[in-house]
Protein backbone atom coordinates (compact mmCIF):
# COMPACT_ATOMS: atom_id res chain seq x y z
CA MET A 1 106.88 142.74 113.67
CA PRO A 2 109.47 142.77 116.78
CA PHE A 3 112.69 143.56 116.44
CA GLN A 4 115.54 141.03 114.97
CA ASN A 5 116.82 138.73 118.00
CA HIS A 6 118.60 136.23 116.36
CA ILE A 7 120.66 135.41 113.45
CA ASN A 8 121.11 131.80 111.74
CA VAL A 9 124.20 131.10 110.87
CA GLN A 10 123.26 128.32 108.17
CA PRO A 11 119.43 128.99 106.15
CA ALA A 12 116.87 126.61 107.00
CA VAL A 13 116.22 124.02 104.31
CA ALA A 14 112.89 124.37 104.05
CA VAL A 15 109.58 125.02 105.99
CA ALA A 16 106.99 121.95 107.05
CA GLY A 17 105.00 121.71 103.99
CA ASP A 18 107.43 122.72 100.85
CA PHE A 19 108.03 120.66 98.28
CA ALA A 20 110.87 118.58 98.76
CA SER A 21 111.89 117.72 94.91
CA ALA A 22 110.56 118.74 91.50
CA ASN A 23 109.26 115.65 91.05
CA PRO A 24 105.49 115.22 89.79
CA TRP A 25 102.58 114.84 92.29
CA SER A 26 99.15 115.15 92.58
CA THR A 27 96.18 116.42 94.77
CA LEU A 28 92.96 115.10 95.72
CA LEU A 29 90.21 115.12 93.26
CA SER A 30 87.42 117.74 94.04
CA GLY A 31 84.05 118.88 92.70
CA ALA A 32 82.82 122.09 92.17
CA GLY A 33 83.82 124.76 95.28
CA LYS A 34 85.75 121.87 97.00
CA PHE A 35 87.82 122.05 98.89
CA VAL A 36 88.48 124.78 101.98
CA ALA A 37 89.70 124.74 105.34
CA GLY A 38 87.16 123.71 108.31
CA ASP A 39 85.84 125.54 110.99
CA ALA A 40 88.96 125.17 112.64
CA GLY A 41 91.11 126.13 109.96
CA LEU A 42 93.85 123.83 108.02
CA THR A 43 97.83 124.10 109.02
CA GLU A 44 99.74 123.43 106.30
CA GLY A 45 102.48 121.18 106.72
CA LEU A 46 100.29 118.68 108.56
CA PHE A 47 98.30 115.48 106.99
CA CYS A 48 94.47 116.38 106.57
CA TRP A 49 91.01 114.58 106.56
CA ILE A 50 87.93 115.59 104.81
CA ASP A 51 85.35 116.39 106.91
CA GLY A 52 82.97 113.58 108.47
CA THR A 53 79.72 115.69 107.75
CA ASP A 54 80.45 118.00 105.29
CA ASP A 55 82.67 117.01 102.13
CA TYR A 56 83.81 120.57 100.89
CA LYS A 57 85.83 120.87 104.24
CA LEU A 58 89.39 119.66 105.15
CA ASN A 59 90.43 119.49 108.86
CA ASN A 60 93.66 118.51 110.45
CA PHE A 61 91.94 115.65 112.26
CA GLY A 62 90.33 112.40 111.47
CA HIS A 63 90.04 108.52 112.75
CA THR A 64 90.94 106.62 109.40
CA VAL A 65 93.79 107.27 106.94
CA PRO A 66 94.15 110.59 106.11
CA SER A 67 92.73 111.84 102.89
CA GLY A 68 96.17 113.34 102.10
CA PHE A 69 99.06 116.00 103.29
CA VAL A 70 98.76 119.74 102.98
CA HIS A 71 101.25 121.52 100.90
CA ARG A 72 102.65 125.16 101.95
CA GLU A 73 101.08 126.98 99.17
CA PHE A 74 101.03 130.40 100.69
CA ARG A 75 97.19 130.38 101.04
CA GLN A 76 97.58 131.13 104.87
CA GLN A 77 97.13 134.45 106.53
CA ILE A 78 98.67 135.56 110.08
CA THR A 79 95.89 137.24 111.82
CA THR A 80 97.58 137.28 115.35
CA TYR A 81 98.93 140.25 116.37
CA LEU A 82 102.45 141.03 115.64
CA ALA A 83 102.99 137.15 115.10
CA GLU A 84 106.19 136.89 112.87
CA TYR A 85 105.08 133.20 111.26
CA GLY A 86 102.06 131.13 110.98
CA GLY A 87 100.81 128.39 108.98
CA LEU A 88 97.25 128.59 109.50
CA ILE A 89 94.67 128.59 106.26
CA GLN A 90 91.55 130.38 107.90
CA PRO A 91 88.27 128.88 108.04
CA GLY A 92 86.34 128.83 104.21
CA GLN A 93 89.62 129.49 102.50
CA GLU A 94 90.63 127.74 99.42
CA ALA A 95 92.61 124.72 99.88
CA SER A 96 93.83 121.12 98.91
CA ALA A 97 95.32 117.68 100.05
CA SER A 98 98.35 116.37 98.48
CA THR A 99 98.18 112.81 97.64
CA SER A 100 101.52 112.30 96.50
CA GLY A 101 104.92 114.13 95.72
CA ASP A 102 107.99 114.97 98.15
CA PHE A 103 107.22 117.41 100.87
CA TRP A 104 109.17 118.05 104.09
CA ALA A 105 107.32 117.37 107.30
CA LYS A 106 108.46 117.82 110.92
CA ASN A 107 109.13 115.17 112.86
CA THR A 108 107.05 115.03 116.02
CA SER A 109 108.18 111.56 117.06
CA ALA A 110 110.06 111.23 120.47
CA GLY A 111 112.94 109.44 118.40
CA SER A 112 115.01 110.01 115.50
CA VAL A 113 113.92 108.86 112.07
CA THR A 114 115.90 106.90 109.41
CA ARG A 115 115.10 106.09 105.66
CA GLY A 116 112.61 103.88 105.00
CA MET A 117 110.07 104.52 107.92
CA LYS A 118 106.96 104.52 107.52
CA ALA A 119 105.05 108.20 108.32
CA TYR A 120 102.00 108.38 110.47
CA ALA A 121 99.48 110.92 111.02
CA VAL A 122 98.55 111.78 114.73
CA TYR A 123 94.86 111.72 114.94
CA ASP A 124 93.61 114.91 116.28
CA THR A 125 96.36 117.14 115.02
CA GLY A 126 97.54 115.85 111.97
CA ALA A 127 101.14 116.29 113.05
CA VAL A 128 103.64 113.56 111.28
CA MET A 129 105.19 110.79 113.36
CA PHE A 130 107.37 107.92 111.94
CA ALA A 131 108.35 104.35 112.90
CA ALA A 132 108.35 101.14 111.33
CA ALA A 133 105.28 99.84 109.22
CA GLY A 134 102.81 97.99 111.20
CA SER A 135 103.67 99.71 114.39
CA PRO A 136 101.67 103.05 115.42
CA PRO A 137 103.01 105.38 118.07
CA ALA A 138 101.69 104.37 121.41
CA GLY A 139 98.78 106.66 122.71
CA ALA A 140 97.27 105.88 126.05
CA SER A 141 96.74 102.91 128.58
CA PHE A 142 93.89 103.47 130.98
CA THR A 143 90.99 101.18 133.02
CA GLY A 144 87.88 102.24 130.92
CA VAL A 145 83.92 101.48 131.60
CA ILE A 146 81.93 102.39 128.30
CA SER A 147 78.23 102.68 128.95
CA SER A 148 75.26 104.20 126.39
CA ASN A 149 78.40 105.03 124.21
CA VAL A 150 80.10 106.95 127.10
CA LEU A 151 83.82 106.11 127.98
CA THR A 152 84.78 106.61 131.47
CA ALA A 153 88.69 106.77 131.65
CA SER A 154 90.75 106.36 134.94
CA ALA A 155 94.44 105.24 135.83
CA VAL A 156 95.59 106.95 132.33
CA THR A 157 99.04 106.84 131.28
CA GLY A 158 99.89 108.65 128.02
CA THR A 159 97.31 110.77 126.21
CA ILE A 160 93.61 109.81 125.04
CA ARG A 161 93.22 111.55 121.29
CA VAL A 162 90.16 112.34 119.81
CA GLY A 163 89.96 109.86 116.92
CA ALA A 164 92.13 107.43 117.99
CA PRO A 165 90.97 103.82 118.04
CA VAL A 166 90.16 101.74 121.41
CA THR A 167 91.22 98.12 122.05
CA GLY A 168 89.98 95.90 124.74
CA SER A 169 89.08 92.28 125.36
CA GLY A 170 85.06 93.59 125.42
CA VAL A 171 85.77 96.79 123.03
CA THR A 172 83.26 96.27 119.85
CA ALA A 173 85.70 96.13 116.82
CA GLY A 174 86.57 99.43 114.95
CA ALA A 175 85.30 101.45 117.85
CA TYR A 176 87.17 104.96 118.28
CA ILE A 177 86.89 107.88 120.56
CA GLU A 178 84.92 110.63 119.11
CA ALA A 179 85.03 113.44 121.51
CA GLN A 180 85.89 114.23 125.17
CA LEU A 181 83.00 115.50 127.47
CA THR A 182 84.58 115.81 130.85
CA GLY A 183 88.03 115.73 132.65
CA THR A 184 91.32 116.36 131.81
CA PRO A 185 92.40 116.73 128.09
CA GLY A 186 93.51 113.79 126.89
CA GLY A 187 93.66 112.21 130.47
CA ALA A 188 91.04 110.94 132.92
CA GLY A 189 87.47 111.54 132.14
CA THR A 190 84.47 110.66 130.10
CA TYR A 191 84.39 110.53 125.94
CA THR A 192 81.94 109.18 123.59
CA VAL A 193 83.01 106.40 121.66
CA THR A 194 81.34 103.67 119.19
CA SER A 195 81.50 100.89 121.12
CA ALA A 196 78.69 98.79 122.98
CA ASP A 197 78.70 98.85 127.05
CA VAL A 198 81.71 97.42 128.64
CA SER A 199 82.43 96.66 132.17
CA SER A 200 85.38 98.01 133.96
CA GLU A 201 88.88 96.38 131.86
CA ALA A 202 91.78 97.38 130.70
CA MET A 203 92.09 99.58 127.24
CA THR A 204 94.28 100.90 125.09
CA THR A 205 94.70 103.65 122.14
CA THR A 206 97.38 104.08 119.26
CA ALA A 207 98.45 108.00 118.75
CA ALA A 208 98.58 107.76 114.94
CA VAL A 209 97.46 105.92 111.77
CA GLU A 210 99.60 104.88 109.34
CA THR A 211 100.10 106.52 105.85
CA GLY A 212 101.18 105.65 102.61
CA TRP A 213 103.93 108.13 102.84
CA TYR A 214 107.74 107.02 103.39
CA ALA A 215 110.90 108.86 105.21
CA ALA A 216 112.95 109.70 102.59
CA SER A 217 115.56 111.40 104.78
CA THR A 218 116.95 110.86 108.46
CA GLY A 219 117.00 113.44 111.40
CA ALA A 220 116.34 113.93 114.94
CA THR A 221 112.93 115.16 116.94
CA GLY A 222 111.77 118.43 115.83
CA GLU A 223 113.80 118.48 112.33
CA LEU A 224 112.23 118.32 109.26
CA ILE A 225 112.41 115.29 107.07
CA LYS A 226 111.63 114.54 103.65
CA ILE A 227 108.64 112.40 102.85
CA THR A 228 107.37 110.54 99.56
CA LYS A 229 105.20 108.19 98.63
CA VAL A 230 107.93 106.44 96.14
CA LEU A 231 111.12 105.14 97.72
CA GLU A 232 114.20 104.78 95.49
CA GLY A 233 114.92 101.00 94.42
């Protein structure tokens, strides 16, 4: 490890994924040999989804409501040379998804968090954002053309995320981004999408999906927030 380069006057309250209380908690019920981190690994302190093609695996990405939250259980391994920290559970290693309880999560929203806000899971990373119920964080707006399940996006404002639902006057209900094929990551380019053909029109995506979790504390962008399934009162 490198030499110490700073001193914290006040120790951190927690690390993302830590328990925020001693209240009861639960995990997603699994079968024999389940669950393990997916092919890209699984990062603690983020939301996770069961893999769409292999239900033994958990990933930090998906396109529906997440399967759970990845509690920090010290299963991570720091494999990067000289790295000081890391929360990645290596591919194939044992993992679990918490479905209730109180945990600490990093606020990746652009604004501050107030108690009672809903927690949202970012589709392609599992990161945690906060907003009012029914108000998913904006993703991208763009001009799109869909042909043979390939979306060509141009004039993109914001970020198009894999897993995000796509809306537009001619877009098939429930359509979502499956993968990016070409272009600037998250920007102008081509994507596979689950929709019938659409001629050029304005389209939008959202950045994250609403979960059943709530903010149980306040904080600014980048700070740790307590999340819970049950608010007091």
